[in-house]
């Protein structure tokens, strides 16, 4: 088998392995159940604290 055929077979085998691995990963993640987002109410105190004292309008006009 010449080099170009070997590279083609090797590339195809790698592609098949990656494809099957992806399908297995998706099936595993799908078995975990329904994806329910985190409640936004619990995140609000953190967001308020991060943006405490930050004045967007003052910041925006200082850039221009």
PDB file of N, CA and C in Angstrom:
ATOM      1  N   UNK A   1       0.861  -1.171   0.000  1.00  0.00           N
ATOM      2  CA  UNK A   1       0.000   0.000   0.000  1.00  0.00           C
ATOM      3  C   UNK A   1       0.907   1.234   0.000  1.00  0.00           C
ATOM      4  N   UNK A   2       0.674   2.138  -0.915  1.00  0.00           N
ATOM      5  CA  UNK A   2       1.520   3.327  -0.959  1.00  0.00           C
ATOM      6  C   UNK A   2       1.092   4.325   0.116  1.00  0.00           C
ATOM      7  N   UNK A   3       1.899   5.337   0.273  1.00  0.00           N
ATOM      8  CA  UNK A   3       1.727   6.279   1.376  1.00  0.00           C
ATOM      9  C   UNK A   3       0.382   7.006   1.328  1.00  0.00           C
ATOM     10  N   UNK A   4      -0.067   7.442   0.167  1.00  0.00           N
ATOM     11  CA  UNK A   4      -1.314   8.211   0.085  1.00  0.00           C
ATOM     12  C   UNK A   4      -2.528   7.362   0.486  1.00  0.00           C
ATOM     13  N   UNK A   5      -2.540   6.095   0.125  1.00  0.00           N
ATOM     14  CA  UNK A   5      -3.643   5.226   0.544  1.00  0.00           C
ATOM     15  C   UNK A   5      -3.606   5.000   2.044  1.00  0.00           C
ATOM     16  N   UNK A   6      -2.411   4.837   2.605  1.00  0.00           N
ATOM     17  CA  UNK A   6      -2.284   4.640   4.046  1.00  0.00           C
ATOM     18  C   UNK A   6      -2.789   5.862   4.800  1.00  0.00           C
ATOM     19  N   UNK A   7      -2.418   7.056   4.333  1.00  0.00           N
ATOM     20  CA  UNK A   7      -2.882   8.296   4.980  1.00  0.00           C
ATOM     21  C   UNK A   7      -4.397   8.405   4.871  1.00  0.00           C
ATOM     22  N   UNK A   8      -4.967   8.042   3.739  1.00  0.00           N
ATOM     23  CA  UNK A   8      -6.419   8.107   3.562  1.00  0.00           C
ATOM     24  C   UNK A   8      -7.134   7.142   4.504  1.00  0.00           C
ATOM     25  N   UNK A   9      -6.621   5.925   4.621  1.00  0.00           N
ATOM     26  CA  UNK A   9      -7.240   4.940   5.519  1.00  0.00           C
ATOM     27  C   UNK A   9      -7.103   5.393   6.968  1.00  0.00           C
ATOM     28  N   UNK A  10      -5.940   5.894   7.330  1.00  0.00           N
ATOM     29  CA  UNK A  10      -5.727   6.365   8.704  1.00  0.00           C
ATOM     30  C   UNK A  10      -6.643   7.542   9.029  1.00  0.00           C
ATOM     31  N   UNK A  11      -6.763   8.482   8.118  1.00  0.00           N
ATOM     32  CA  UNK A  11      -7.648   9.636   8.322  1.00  0.00           C
ATOM     33  C   UNK A  11      -9.103   9.192   8.446  1.00  0.00           C
ATOM     34  N   UNK A  12      -9.524   8.258   7.615  1.00  0.00           N
ATOM     35  CA  UNK A  12     -10.893   7.740   7.703  1.00  0.00           C
ATOM     36  C   UNK A  12     -11.151   7.032   9.020  1.00  0.00           C
ATOM     37  N   UNK A  13     -10.175   6.249   9.492  1.00  0.00           N
ATOM     38  CA  UNK A  13     -10.333   5.553  10.770  1.00  0.00           C
ATOM     39  C   UNK A  13     -10.435   6.545  11.919  1.00  0.00           C
ATOM     40  N   UNK A  14      -9.615   7.586  11.889  1.00  0.00           N
ATOM     41  CA  UNK A  14      -9.682   8.611  12.942  1.00  0.00           C
ATOM     42  C   UNK A  14     -11.026   9.316  12.912  1.00  0.00           C
ATOM     43  N   UNK A  15     -11.530   9.616  11.712  1.00  0.00           N
ATOM     44  CA  UNK A  15     -12.832  10.270  11.586  1.00  0.00           C
ATOM     45  C   UNK A  15     -13.948   9.383  12.137  1.00  0.00           C
ATOM     46  N   UNK A  16     -13.890   8.092  11.834  1.00  0.00           N
ATOM     47  CA  UNK A  16     -14.902   7.175  12.369  1.00  0.00           C
ATOM     48  C   UNK A  16     -14.830   7.075  13.887  1.00  0.00           C
ATOM     49  N   UNK A  17     -13.634   7.001  14.435  1.00  0.00           N
ATOM     50  CA  UNK A  17     -13.476   6.921  15.893  1.00  0.00           C
ATOM     51  C   UNK A  17     -14.019   8.186  16.557  1.00  0.00           C
ATOM     52  N   UNK A  18     -13.694   9.352  15.987  1.00  0.00           N
ATOM     53  CA  UNK A  18     -14.218  10.605  16.550  1.00  0.00           C
ATOM     54  C   UNK A  18     -15.742  10.675  16.438  1.00  0.00           C
ATOM     55  N   UNK A  19     -16.289  10.231  15.309  1.00  0.00           N
ATOM     56  CA  UNK A  19     -17.744  10.249  15.131  1.00  0.00           C
ATOM     57  C   UNK A  19     -18.457   9.349  16.120  1.00  0.00           C
ATOM     58  N   UNK A  20     -17.960   8.134  16.291  1.00  0.00           N
ATOM     59  CA  UNK A  20     -18.566   7.208  17.252  1.00  0.00           C
ATOM     60  C   UNK A  20     -18.400   7.732  18.682  1.00  0.00           C
ATOM     61  N   UNK A  21     -17.242   8.296  18.970  1.00  0.00           N
ATOM     62  CA  UNK A  21     -17.027   8.871  20.300  1.00  0.00           C
ATOM     63  C   UNK A  21     -17.985  10.015  20.584  1.00  0.00           C
ATOM     64  N   UNK A  22     -18.227  10.850  19.581  1.00  0.00           N
ATOM     65  CA  UNK A  22     -19.180  11.944  19.732  1.00  0.00           C
ATOM     66  C   UNK A  22     -20.591  11.424  19.991  1.00  0.00           C
ATOM     67  N   UNK A  23     -21.000  10.413  19.242  1.00  0.00           N
ATOM     68  CA  UNK A  23     -22.330   9.848  19.450  1.00  0.00           C
ATOM     69  C   UNK A  23     -22.471   9.236  20.837  1.00  0.00           C
ATOM     70  N   UNK A  24     -21.434   8.560  21.319  1.00  0.00           N
ATOM     71  CA  UNK A  24     -21.468   7.989  22.672  1.00  0.00           C
ATOM     72  C   UNK A  24     -21.568   9.098  23.704  1.00  0.00           C
ATOM     73  N   UNK A  25     -20.799  10.172  23.528  1.00  0.00           N
ATOM     74  CA  UNK A  25     -20.846  11.292  24.465  1.00  0.00           C
ATOM     75  C   UNK A  25     -22.220  11.940  24.491  1.00  0.00           C
ATOM     76  N   UNK A  26     -22.826  12.147  23.319  1.00  0.00           N
ATOM     77  CA  UNK A  26     -24.152  12.753  23.260  1.00  0.00           C
ATOM     78  C   UNK A  26     -25.184  11.855  23.932  1.00  0.00           C
ATOM     79  N   UNK A  27     -25.110  10.555  23.705  1.00  0.00           N
ATOM     80  CA  UNK A  27     -26.047   9.637  24.348  1.00  0.00           C
ATOM     81  C   UNK A  27     -25.885   9.659  25.862  1.00  0.00           C
ATOM     82  N   UNK A  28     -24.646   9.703  26.327  1.00  0.00           N
ATOM     83  CA  UNK A  28     -24.398   9.755  27.769  1.00  0.00           C
ATOM     84  C   UNK A  28     -24.963  11.031  28.377  1.00  0.00           C
ATOM     85  N   UNK A  29     -24.724  12.171  27.718  1.00  0.00           N
ATOM     86  CA  UNK A  29     -25.244  13.435  28.241  1.00  0.00           C
ATOM     87  C   UNK A  29     -26.762  13.482  28.176  1.00  0.00           C
ATOM     88  N   UNK A  30     -27.355  12.828  27.193  1.00  0.00           N
ATOM     89  CA  UNK A  30     -28.802  12.808  27.059  1.00  0.00           C
ATOM     90  C   UNK A  30     -29.454  11.935  28.133  1.00  0.00           C
ATOM     91  N   UNK A  31     -28.744  10.920  28.616  1.00  0.00           N
ATOM     92  CA  UNK A  31     -29.292  10.029  29.638  1.00  0.00           C
ATOM     93  C   UNK A  31     -29.418  10.708  31.001  1.00  0.00           C
ATOM     94  N   UNK A  32     -28.732  11.836  31.185  1.00  0.00           N
ATOM     95  CA  UNK A  32     -28.732  12.481  32.499  1.00  0.00           C
ATOM     96  C   UNK A  32     -30.069  13.098  32.856  1.00  0.00           C
ATOM     97  N   UNK A  33     -30.936  13.272  31.907  1.00  0.00           N
ATOM     98  CA  UNK A  33     -32.263  13.807  32.191  1.00  0.00           C
ATOM     99  C   UNK A  33     -32.447  15.188  31.592  1.00  0.00           C
ATOM    100  N   UNK A  34     -33.569  15.777  31.933  1.00  0.00           N
ATOM    101  CA  UNK A  34     -33.931  17.073  31.379  1.00  0.00           C
ATOM    102  C   UNK A  34     -33.014  18.165  31.917  1.00  0.00           C
ATOM    103  N   UNK A  35     -32.613  19.065  31.036  1.00  0.00           N
ATOM    104  CA  UNK A  35     -31.770  20.183  31.461  1.00  0.00           C
ATOM    105  C   UNK A  35     -32.655  21.295  31.990  1.00  0.00           C
ATOM    106  N   UNK A  36     -32.541  21.578  33.269  1.00  0.00           N
ATOM    107  CA  UNK A  36     -33.346  22.615  33.908  1.00  0.00           C
ATOM    108  C   UNK A  36     -32.408  23.761  34.279  1.00  0.00           C
ATOM    109  N   UNK A  37     -32.675  24.978  33.799  1.00  0.00           N
ATOM    110  CA  UNK A  37     -31.777  26.090  34.112  1.00  0.00           C
ATOM    111  C   UNK A  37     -31.843  26.463  35.596  1.00  0.00           C
ATOM    112  N   UNK A  38     -30.772  27.044  36.062  1.00  0.00           N
ATOM    113  CA  UNK A  38     -30.718  27.483  37.456  1.00  0.00           C
ATOM    114  C   UNK A  38     -31.701  28.624  37.661  1.00  0.00           C
ATOM    115  N   UNK A  39     -32.319  28.691  38.830  1.00  0.00           N
ATOM    116  CA  UNK A  39     -33.239  29.807  39.105  1.00  0.00           C
ATOM    117  C   UNK A  39     -32.475  31.133  39.112  1.00  0.00           C
ATOM    118  N   UNK A  40     -33.011  32.126  38.416  1.00  0.00           N
ATOM    119  CA  UNK A  40     -32.340  33.418  38.312  1.00  0.00           C
ATOM    120  C   UNK A  40     -32.414  34.182  39.633  1.00  0.00           C
ATOM    121  N   UNK A  41     -33.387  33.878  40.470  1.00  0.00           N
ATOM    122  CA  UNK A  41     -33.558  34.589  41.733  1.00  0.00           C
ATOM    123  C   UNK A  41     -32.342  34.387  42.636  1.00  0.00           C
ATOM    124  N   UNK A  42     -31.755  33.212  42.608  1.00  0.00           N
ATOM    125  CA  UNK A  42     -30.609  32.944  43.465  1.00  0.00           C
ATOM    126  C   UNK A  42     -29.360  33.671  42.993  1.00  0.00           C
ATOM    127  N   UNK A  43     -29.305  34.051  41.720  1.00  0.00           N
ATOM    128  CA  UNK A  43     -28.132  34.738  41.187  1.00  0.00           C
ATOM    129  C   UNK A  43     -28.206  36.252  41.341  1.00  0.00           C
ATOM    130  N   UNK A  44     -29.364  36.802  41.615  1.00  0.00           N
ATOM    131  CA  UNK A  44     -29.517  38.250  41.648  1.00  0.00           C
ATOM    132  C   UNK A  44     -28.640  38.939  42.694  1.00  0.00           C
ATOM    133  N   UNK A  45     -28.502  38.427  43.920  1.00  0.00           N
ATOM    134  CA  UNK A  45     -27.607  39.118  44.870  1.00  0.00           C
ATOM    135  C   UNK A  45     -26.166  39.183  44.376  1.00  0.00           C
ATOM    136  N   UNK A  46     -25.708  38.174  43.672  1.00  0.00           N
ATOM    137  CA  UNK A  46     -24.341  38.172  43.141  1.00  0.00           C
ATOM    138  C   UNK A  46     -24.220  39.224  42.048  1.00  0.00           C
ATOM    139  N   UNK A  47     -25.203  39.293  41.149  1.00  0.00           N
ATOM    140  CA  UNK A  47     -25.170  40.264  40.063  1.00  0.00           C
ATOM    141  C   UNK A  47     -25.240  41.675  40.623  1.00  0.00           C
ATOM    142  N   UNK A  48     -26.079  41.892  41.616  1.00  0.00           N
ATOM    143  CA  UNK A  48     -26.179  43.210  42.232  1.00  0.00           C
ATOM    144  C   UNK A  48     -24.859  43.627  42.856  1.00  0.00           C
ATOM    145  N   UNK A  49     -24.168  42.703  43.474  1.00  0.00           N
ATOM    146  CA  UNK A  49     -22.916  43.032  44.118  1.00  0.00           C
ATOM    147  C   UNK A  49     -21.805  43.314  43.120  1.00  0.00           C
ATOM    148  N   UNK A  50     -21.824  42.595  41.998  1.00  0.00           N
ATOM    149  CA  UNK A  50     -20.811  42.812  40.967  1.00  0.00           C
ATOM    150  C   UNK A  50     -20.959  44.206  40.364  1.00  0.00           C
ATOM    151  N   UNK A  51     -22.201  44.616  40.094  1.00  0.00           N
ATOM    152  CA  UNK A  51     -22.433  45.904  39.443  1.00  0.00           C
ATOM    153  C   UNK A  51     -22.696  47.027  40.438  1.00  0.00           C
ATOM    154  N   UNK A  52     -22.478  46.801  41.697  1.00  0.00           N
ATOM    155  CA  UNK A  52     -22.694  47.831  42.711  1.00  0.00           C
ATOM    156  C   UNK A  52     -21.698  48.970  42.495  1.00  0.00           C
ATOM    157  N   UNK A  53     -22.207  50.167  42.388  1.00  0.00           N
ATOM    158  CA  UNK A  53     -21.349  51.323  42.205  1.00  0.00           C
ATOM    159  C   UNK A  53     -20.886  51.542  40.777  1.00  0.00           C
ATOM    160  N   UNK A  54     -21.362  50.738  39.844  1.00  0.00           N
ATOM    161  CA  UNK A  54     -20.966  50.879  38.448  1.00  0.00           C
ATOM    162  C   UNK A  54     -22.026  51.694  37.732  1.00  0.00           C
ATOM    163  N   UNK A  55     -21.629  52.800  37.187  1.00  0.00           N
ATOM    164  CA  UNK A  55     -22.565  53.673  36.489  1.00  0.00           C
ATOM    165  C   UNK A  55     -22.273  53.581  35.005  1.00  0.00           C
ATOM    166  N   UNK A  56     -23.142  52.896  34.285  1.00  0.00           N
ATOM    167  CA  UNK A  56     -22.910  52.622  32.870  1.00  0.00           C
ATOM    168  C   UNK A  56     -22.853  53.895  32.052  1.00  0.00           C
ATOM    169  N   UNK A  57     -23.763  54.832  32.318  1.00  0.00           N
ATOM    170  CA  UNK A  57     -23.810  56.045  31.507  1.00  0.00           C
ATOM    171  C   UNK A  57     -22.527  56.853  31.689  1.00  0.00           C
ATOM    172  N   UNK A  58     -22.063  56.976  32.902  1.00  0.00           N
ATOM    173  CA  UNK A  58     -20.826  57.708  33.160  1.00  0.00           C
ATOM    174  C   UNK A  58     -19.639  57.005  32.485  1.00  0.00           C
ATOM    175  N   UNK A  59     -19.598  55.694  32.548  1.00  0.00           N
ATOM    176  CA  UNK A  59     -18.538  54.916  31.913  1.00  0.00           C
ATOM    177  C   UNK A  59     -18.572  55.083  30.403  1.00  0.00           C
ATOM    178  N   UNK A  60     -19.783  55.023  29.803  1.00  0.00           N
ATOM    179  CA  UNK A  60     -19.912  55.106  28.352  1.00  0.00           C
ATOM    180  C   UNK A  60     -19.437  56.467  27.831  1.00  0.00           C
ATOM    181  N   UNK A  61     -19.811  57.554  28.516  1.00  0.00           N
ATOM    182  CA  UNK A  61     -19.416  58.872  28.038  1.00  0.00           C
ATOM    183  C   UNK A  61     -17.951  59.158  28.289  1.00  0.00           C
ATOM    184  N   UNK A  62     -17.344  58.486  29.230  1.00  0.00           N
ATOM    185  CA  UNK A  62     -15.909  58.686  29.453  1.00  0.00           C
ATOM    186  C   UNK A  62     -15.076  58.032  28.365  1.00  0.00           C
ATOM    187  N   UNK A  63     -15.660  57.076  27.626  1.00  0.00           N
ATOM    188  CA  UNK A  63     -14.942  56.424  26.532  1.00  0.00           C
ATOM    189  C   UNK A  63     -14.920  57.298  25.276  1.00  0.00           C
ATOM    190  N   UNK A  64     -15.889  58.181  25.129  1.00  0.00           N
ATOM    191  CA  UNK A  64     -15.974  58.968  23.894  1.00  0.00           C
ATOM    192  C   UNK A  64     -15.391  60.350  24.076  1.00  0.00           C
TER     193      UNK A  64
END
